[in-house]
Amino acid sequence: MVSEIKNKERVFIGSVSEFEKEGGVSAKIGDKQIAIFYFDSRNEWYACDNACPHTGDMVLSRGFLGDTNGEPKVVCPLHKRNYSLTSGECLSGEHYKVNVYPVIVENGSVYVEIDTSDKK
């Protein structure tokens, strides 16, 4: 579940046509890198921190997409840990977690909603 954002701001990321189907891209927003994923087969969009919480490597946008029992996930391409794209929880049984962010798609444009107190 995406956590409640108190000071929210929509940040334009790009046009829908710029996104690879069944893939991810990264965007730098302030000091944060955020991974945005387009599950074309599910017609769903997700966003999370791009940093793998295990080591801090900025790689999740290049992770493998899939699901576990219907739960959409990204798999770190380096460490193979699975992260829920709805809760951010590690599905591999470890206590790691990534922040997740709402994605809004309107009129062919993709936005990520962030907490402005986190944006520097």
N, C-alpha and C. Protein backbone atom coordinates (compact mmCIF):
# COMPACT_ATOMS: atom_id res chain seq x y z
N MET A 1 0.84 -1.17 0.00
CA MET A 1 0.00 0.00 0.00
C MET A 1 0.89 1.25 0.00
N VAL A 2 0.56 2.19 -0.82
CA VAL A 2 1.30 3.45 -0.89
C VAL A 2 0.98 4.25 0.36
N SER A 3 2.03 4.73 1.03
CA SER A 3 1.81 5.49 2.26
C SER A 3 1.20 6.85 1.95
N GLU A 4 0.51 7.40 2.95
CA GLU A 4 -0.15 8.70 2.78
C GLU A 4 0.91 9.79 2.64
N ILE A 5 0.70 10.67 1.68
CA ILE A 5 1.61 11.78 1.43
C ILE A 5 0.95 13.05 1.91
N LYS A 6 1.59 13.75 2.82
CA LYS A 6 1.00 14.96 3.40
C LYS A 6 1.19 16.19 2.51
N ASN A 7 2.41 16.43 2.07
CA ASN A 7 2.72 17.59 1.23
C ASN A 7 2.99 17.10 -0.19
N LYS A 8 1.94 16.76 -0.90
CA LYS A 8 2.15 16.11 -2.17
C LYS A 8 2.30 17.07 -3.34
N GLU A 9 3.07 16.58 -4.29
CA GLU A 9 3.30 17.31 -5.53
C GLU A 9 3.39 16.30 -6.65
N ARG A 10 2.74 16.60 -7.76
CA ARG A 10 2.85 15.75 -8.95
C ARG A 10 4.04 16.23 -9.76
N VAL A 11 4.90 15.29 -10.09
CA VAL A 11 6.08 15.62 -10.89
C VAL A 11 5.95 14.91 -12.23
N PHE A 12 6.01 15.69 -13.30
CA PHE A 12 5.92 15.13 -14.65
C PHE A 12 7.17 14.30 -14.92
N ILE A 13 6.97 13.06 -15.40
CA ILE A 13 8.08 12.17 -15.70
C ILE A 13 8.29 12.05 -17.21
N GLY A 14 7.21 11.93 -17.95
CA GLY A 14 7.33 11.79 -19.40
C GLY A 14 6.00 11.40 -20.02
N SER A 15 6.03 11.17 -21.31
CA SER A 15 4.84 10.73 -22.04
C SER A 15 4.76 9.21 -21.98
N VAL A 16 3.55 8.69 -21.99
CA VAL A 16 3.35 7.24 -21.97
C VAL A 16 4.15 6.57 -23.08
N SER A 17 4.21 7.20 -24.25
CA SER A 17 4.91 6.62 -25.40
C SER A 17 6.42 6.47 -25.17
N GLU A 18 6.97 7.17 -24.18
CA GLU A 18 8.40 7.09 -23.90
C GLU A 18 8.77 5.89 -23.02
N PHE A 19 7.77 5.18 -22.50
CA PHE A 19 8.03 4.07 -21.59
C PHE A 19 8.03 2.74 -22.32
N GLU A 20 8.98 1.92 -21.98
CA GLU A 20 9.04 0.57 -22.51
C GLU A 20 7.95 -0.26 -21.86
N LYS A 21 7.24 -1.05 -22.67
CA LYS A 21 6.23 -1.94 -22.12
C LYS A 21 6.92 -3.02 -21.29
N GLU A 22 6.33 -3.32 -20.14
CA GLU A 22 6.86 -4.34 -19.22
C GLU A 22 8.27 -4.01 -18.76
N GLY A 23 8.54 -2.71 -18.56
CA GLY A 23 9.87 -2.31 -18.14
C GLY A 23 9.85 -1.10 -17.24
N GLY A 24 11.04 -0.65 -16.88
CA GLY A 24 11.16 0.47 -15.97
C GLY A 24 12.16 1.51 -16.46
N VAL A 25 12.02 2.71 -15.92
CA VAL A 25 12.95 3.80 -16.16
C VAL A 25 13.23 4.46 -14.82
N SER A 26 14.29 5.22 -14.75
CA SER A 26 14.55 5.97 -13.51
C SER A 26 14.45 7.45 -13.80
N ALA A 27 14.06 8.19 -12.77
CA ALA A 27 13.95 9.64 -12.87
C ALA A 27 14.53 10.23 -11.59
N LYS A 28 15.27 11.31 -11.75
CA LYS A 28 15.83 11.98 -10.59
C LYS A 28 14.89 13.13 -10.23
N ILE A 29 14.43 13.11 -9.00
CA ILE A 29 13.53 14.15 -8.49
C ILE A 29 14.19 14.69 -7.23
N GLY A 30 14.71 15.90 -7.32
CA GLY A 30 15.48 16.43 -6.20
C GLY A 30 16.70 15.55 -5.98
N ASP A 31 16.88 15.08 -4.76
CA ASP A 31 18.01 14.19 -4.44
C ASP A 31 17.65 12.72 -4.59
N LYS A 32 16.42 12.43 -4.93
CA LYS A 32 15.96 11.04 -5.01
C LYS A 32 16.02 10.52 -6.45
N GLN A 33 16.28 9.23 -6.56
CA GLN A 33 16.10 8.53 -7.82
C GLN A 33 14.93 7.60 -7.63
N ILE A 34 13.97 7.70 -8.53
CA ILE A 34 12.76 6.89 -8.44
C ILE A 34 12.65 6.04 -9.70
N ALA A 35 12.28 4.77 -9.50
CA ALA A 35 12.06 3.84 -10.62
C ALA A 35 10.56 3.82 -10.92
N ILE A 36 10.22 3.96 -12.20
CA ILE A 36 8.82 3.95 -12.62
C ILE A 36 8.65 2.76 -13.57
N PHE A 37 7.62 1.96 -13.31
CA PHE A 37 7.40 0.73 -14.06
C PHE A 37 6.04 0.75 -14.76
N TYR A 38 6.04 0.23 -15.99
CA TYR A 38 4.82 0.11 -16.77
C TYR A 38 4.57 -1.37 -17.06
N PHE A 39 3.56 -1.93 -16.41
CA PHE A 39 3.12 -3.30 -16.68
C PHE A 39 2.05 -3.21 -17.76
N ASP A 40 2.44 -3.24 -19.00
CA ASP A 40 1.49 -3.14 -20.10
C ASP A 40 0.48 -4.28 -20.05
N SER A 41 0.92 -5.48 -19.72
CA SER A 41 0.02 -6.65 -19.71
C SER A 41 -1.07 -6.51 -18.65
N ARG A 42 -0.82 -5.72 -17.61
CA ARG A 42 -1.80 -5.50 -16.55
C ARG A 42 -2.42 -4.10 -16.64
N ASN A 43 -1.89 -3.27 -17.54
CA ASN A 43 -2.29 -1.87 -17.66
C ASN A 43 -2.17 -1.17 -16.30
N GLU A 44 -1.01 -1.35 -15.65
CA GLU A 44 -0.75 -0.78 -14.33
C GLU A 44 0.61 -0.10 -14.30
N TRP A 45 0.69 0.93 -13.48
CA TRP A 45 1.92 1.71 -13.30
C TRP A 45 2.31 1.68 -11.83
N TYR A 46 3.62 1.63 -11.57
CA TYR A 46 4.12 1.63 -10.19
C TYR A 46 5.41 2.45 -10.14
N ALA A 47 5.72 2.93 -8.94
CA ALA A 47 6.98 3.65 -8.73
C ALA A 47 7.51 3.31 -7.35
N CYS A 48 8.84 3.23 -7.25
CA CYS A 48 9.50 2.97 -5.98
C CYS A 48 10.88 3.61 -6.02
N ASP A 49 11.56 3.59 -4.89
CA ASP A 49 12.95 4.05 -4.88
C ASP A 49 13.74 3.23 -5.90
N ASN A 50 14.69 3.86 -6.55
CA ASN A 50 15.54 3.15 -7.49
C ASN A 50 16.67 2.42 -6.78
N ALA A 51 16.98 2.84 -5.57
CA ALA A 51 18.09 2.25 -4.81
C ALA A 51 17.68 0.91 -4.20
N CYS A 52 18.50 -0.09 -4.43
CA CYS A 52 18.31 -1.37 -3.75
C CYS A 52 18.62 -1.14 -2.27
N PRO A 53 17.69 -1.43 -1.36
CA PRO A 53 17.95 -1.16 0.05
C PRO A 53 19.02 -2.06 0.66
N HIS A 54 19.37 -3.11 -0.03
CA HIS A 54 20.40 -4.03 0.44
C HIS A 54 21.79 -3.39 0.37
N THR A 55 22.09 -2.68 -0.73
CA THR A 55 23.42 -2.10 -0.90
C THR A 55 23.40 -0.63 -1.31
N GLY A 56 22.24 -0.11 -1.71
CA GLY A 56 22.16 1.28 -2.16
C GLY A 56 22.43 1.46 -3.64
N ASP A 57 22.71 0.38 -4.35
CA ASP A 57 22.95 0.48 -5.79
C ASP A 57 21.68 0.96 -6.50
N MET A 58 21.83 1.88 -7.44
CA MET A 58 20.70 2.45 -8.18
C MET A 58 20.36 1.55 -9.37
N VAL A 59 19.65 0.46 -9.10
CA VAL A 59 19.44 -0.55 -10.14
C VAL A 59 18.01 -1.06 -10.28
N LEU A 60 17.11 -0.71 -9.38
CA LEU A 60 15.78 -1.33 -9.43
C LEU A 60 15.02 -1.01 -10.70
N SER A 61 15.27 0.14 -11.33
CA SER A 61 14.58 0.47 -12.58
C SER A 61 14.91 -0.53 -13.68
N ARG A 62 16.01 -1.23 -13.54
CA ARG A 62 16.42 -2.25 -14.52
C ARG A 62 16.14 -3.67 -14.02
N GLY A 63 15.33 -3.74 -12.97
CA GLY A 63 14.98 -5.03 -12.40
C GLY A 63 13.99 -5.79 -13.25
N PHE A 64 13.76 -7.02 -12.86
CA PHE A 64 12.83 -7.90 -13.55
C PHE A 64 11.44 -7.73 -12.94
N LEU A 65 10.44 -7.56 -13.79
CA LEU A 65 9.07 -7.40 -13.32
C LEU A 65 8.36 -8.75 -13.29
N GLY A 66 7.45 -8.87 -12.36
CA GLY A 66 6.67 -10.10 -12.26
C GLY A 66 5.65 -9.96 -11.17
N ASP A 67 5.19 -11.11 -10.66
CA ASP A 67 4.28 -11.08 -9.53
C ASP A 67 4.47 -12.35 -8.70
N THR A 68 4.09 -12.26 -7.46
CA THR A 68 4.06 -13.39 -6.54
C THR A 68 2.64 -13.48 -6.02
N ASN A 69 1.94 -14.54 -6.41
CA ASN A 69 0.53 -14.71 -6.02
C ASN A 69 -0.30 -13.47 -6.34
N GLY A 70 -0.07 -12.88 -7.50
CA GLY A 70 -0.82 -11.71 -7.92
C GLY A 70 -0.26 -10.38 -7.44
N GLU A 71 0.72 -10.41 -6.54
CA GLU A 71 1.34 -9.19 -6.01
C GLU A 71 2.42 -8.72 -6.98
N PRO A 72 2.25 -7.53 -7.63
CA PRO A 72 3.27 -7.05 -8.56
C PRO A 72 4.58 -6.79 -7.83
N LYS A 73 5.68 -7.15 -8.48
CA LYS A 73 6.99 -7.02 -7.84
C LYS A 73 8.06 -6.66 -8.84
N VAL A 74 9.17 -6.17 -8.29
CA VAL A 74 10.39 -5.97 -9.06
C VAL A 74 11.47 -6.80 -8.36
N VAL A 75 12.32 -7.42 -9.16
CA VAL A 75 13.41 -8.24 -8.64
C VAL A 75 14.70 -7.49 -8.91
N CYS A 76 15.48 -7.24 -7.87
CA CYS A 76 16.76 -6.54 -8.04
C CYS A 76 17.63 -7.33 -9.02
N PRO A 77 18.14 -6.68 -10.08
CA PRO A 77 18.94 -7.41 -11.07
C PRO A 77 20.30 -7.86 -10.54
N LEU A 78 20.76 -7.28 -9.44
CA LEU A 78 22.06 -7.68 -8.89
C LEU A 78 21.93 -8.69 -7.76
N HIS A 79 20.94 -8.51 -6.91
CA HIS A 79 20.88 -9.29 -5.67
C HIS A 79 19.71 -10.26 -5.61
N LYS A 80 18.83 -10.20 -6.60
CA LYS A 80 17.69 -11.11 -6.75
C LYS A 80 16.68 -11.04 -5.61
N ARG A 81 16.69 -9.97 -4.83
CA ARG A 81 15.66 -9.79 -3.81
C ARG A 81 14.41 -9.25 -4.49
N ASN A 82 13.26 -9.68 -4.03
CA ASN A 82 11.97 -9.31 -4.61
C ASN A 82 11.30 -8.26 -3.74
N TYR A 83 10.80 -7.19 -4.35
CA TYR A 83 10.14 -6.11 -3.62
C TYR A 83 8.73 -5.89 -4.18
N SER A 84 7.75 -5.84 -3.28
CA SER A 84 6.38 -5.55 -3.66
C SER A 84 6.30 -4.12 -4.19
N LEU A 85 5.61 -3.95 -5.29
CA LEU A 85 5.43 -2.61 -5.83
C LEU A 85 4.20 -1.92 -5.26
N THR A 86 3.46 -2.60 -4.39
CA THR A 86 2.33 -1.95 -3.72
C THR A 86 2.67 -1.57 -2.29
N SER A 87 3.50 -2.36 -1.61
CA SER A 87 3.84 -2.06 -0.21
C SER A 87 5.30 -1.70 -0.01
N GLY A 88 6.16 -2.09 -0.94
CA GLY A 88 7.59 -1.86 -0.80
C GLY A 88 8.30 -2.93 0.01
N GLU A 89 7.55 -3.84 0.61
CA GLU A 89 8.13 -4.89 1.45
C GLU A 89 8.96 -5.86 0.62
N CYS A 90 10.01 -6.39 1.24
CA CYS A 90 10.82 -7.43 0.61
C CYS A 90 10.03 -8.73 0.67
N LEU A 91 9.80 -9.34 -0.47
CA LEU A 91 9.04 -10.59 -0.55
C LEU A 91 9.95 -11.81 -0.44
N SER A 92 11.24 -11.56 -0.23
CA SER A 92 12.21 -12.65 -0.14
C SER A 92 12.46 -13.07 1.30
N GLY A 93 11.62 -12.57 2.23
CA GLY A 93 11.74 -12.98 3.61
C GLY A 93 12.74 -12.18 4.44
N GLU A 94 13.25 -11.09 3.90
CA GLU A 94 14.20 -10.26 4.64
C GLU A 94 13.52 -8.96 5.04
N HIS A 95 14.16 -8.19 5.89
CA HIS A 95 13.54 -6.99 6.44
C HIS A 95 13.84 -5.71 5.66
N TYR A 96 14.22 -5.83 4.42
CA TYR A 96 14.45 -4.65 3.59
C TYR A 96 13.12 -4.11 3.08
N LYS A 97 13.10 -2.83 2.74
CA LYS A 97 11.89 -2.20 2.22
C LYS A 97 12.28 -1.01 1.34
N VAL A 98 11.48 -0.78 0.29
CA VAL A 98 11.65 0.41 -0.55
C VAL A 98 10.41 1.27 -0.40
N ASN A 99 10.58 2.57 -0.56
CA ASN A 99 9.43 3.47 -0.58
C ASN A 99 8.72 3.31 -1.91
N VAL A 100 7.40 3.36 -1.88
CA VAL A 100 6.61 3.32 -3.11
C VAL A 100 5.85 4.63 -3.25
N TYR A 101 5.55 4.99 -4.50
CA TYR A 101 4.94 6.28 -4.79
C TYR A 101 3.77 6.09 -5.76
N PRO A 102 2.73 6.91 -5.61
CA PRO A 102 1.63 6.85 -6.57
C PRO A 102 2.07 7.34 -7.95
N VAL A 103 1.56 6.67 -8.97
CA VAL A 103 1.78 7.09 -10.36
C VAL A 103 0.42 7.49 -10.92
N ILE A 104 0.38 8.63 -11.55
CA ILE A 104 -0.85 9.13 -12.15
C ILE A 104 -0.59 9.28 -13.65
N VAL A 105 -1.50 8.74 -14.44
CA VAL A 105 -1.42 8.86 -15.89
C VAL A 105 -2.64 9.64 -16.35
N GLU A 106 -2.40 10.79 -16.98
CA GLU A 106 -3.49 11.65 -17.47
C GLU A 106 -3.14 12.19 -18.84
N ASN A 107 -4.06 12.02 -19.76
CA ASN A 107 -3.91 12.58 -21.10
C ASN A 107 -2.56 12.23 -21.73
N GLY A 108 -2.12 11.01 -21.55
CA GLY A 108 -0.88 10.55 -22.15
C GLY A 108 0.38 10.97 -21.42
N SER A 109 0.25 11.62 -20.27
CA SER A 109 1.41 12.04 -19.48
C SER A 109 1.50 11.24 -18.19
N VAL A 110 2.73 10.95 -17.77
CA VAL A 110 2.98 10.17 -16.57
C VAL A 110 3.55 11.08 -15.49
N TYR A 111 2.96 11.01 -14.30
CA TYR A 111 3.39 11.80 -13.16
C TYR A 111 3.63 10.86 -11.98
N VAL A 112 4.57 11.25 -11.12
CA VAL A 112 4.77 10.57 -9.84
C VAL A 112 4.43 11.57 -8.75
N GLU A 113 3.70 11.11 -7.76
CA GLU A 113 3.32 11.97 -6.64
C GLU A 113 4.34 11.76 -5.52
N ILE A 114 4.97 12.84 -5.10
CA ILE A 114 5.99 12.76 -4.07
C ILE A 114 5.64 13.70 -2.91
N ASP A 115 6.30 13.47 -1.81
CA ASP A 115 6.18 14.33 -0.65
C ASP A 115 7.19 15.46 -0.83
N THR A 116 6.71 16.70 -0.89
CA THR A 116 7.61 17.83 -1.15
C THR A 116 8.60 18.05 -0.02
N SER A 117 8.33 17.54 1.16
CA SER A 117 9.30 17.67 2.25
C SER A 117 10.50 16.78 2.01
N ASP A 118 10.37 15.76 1.11
CA ASP A 118 11.49 14.90 0.75
C ASP A 118 12.28 15.45 -0.42
N LYS A 119 11.69 16.36 -1.19
CA LYS A 119 12.31 16.89 -2.39
C LYS A 119 13.23 18.04 -2.00
N LYS A 120 14.46 17.96 -2.42
CA LYS A 120 15.43 19.02 -2.09
C LYS A 120 15.90 19.69 -3.35
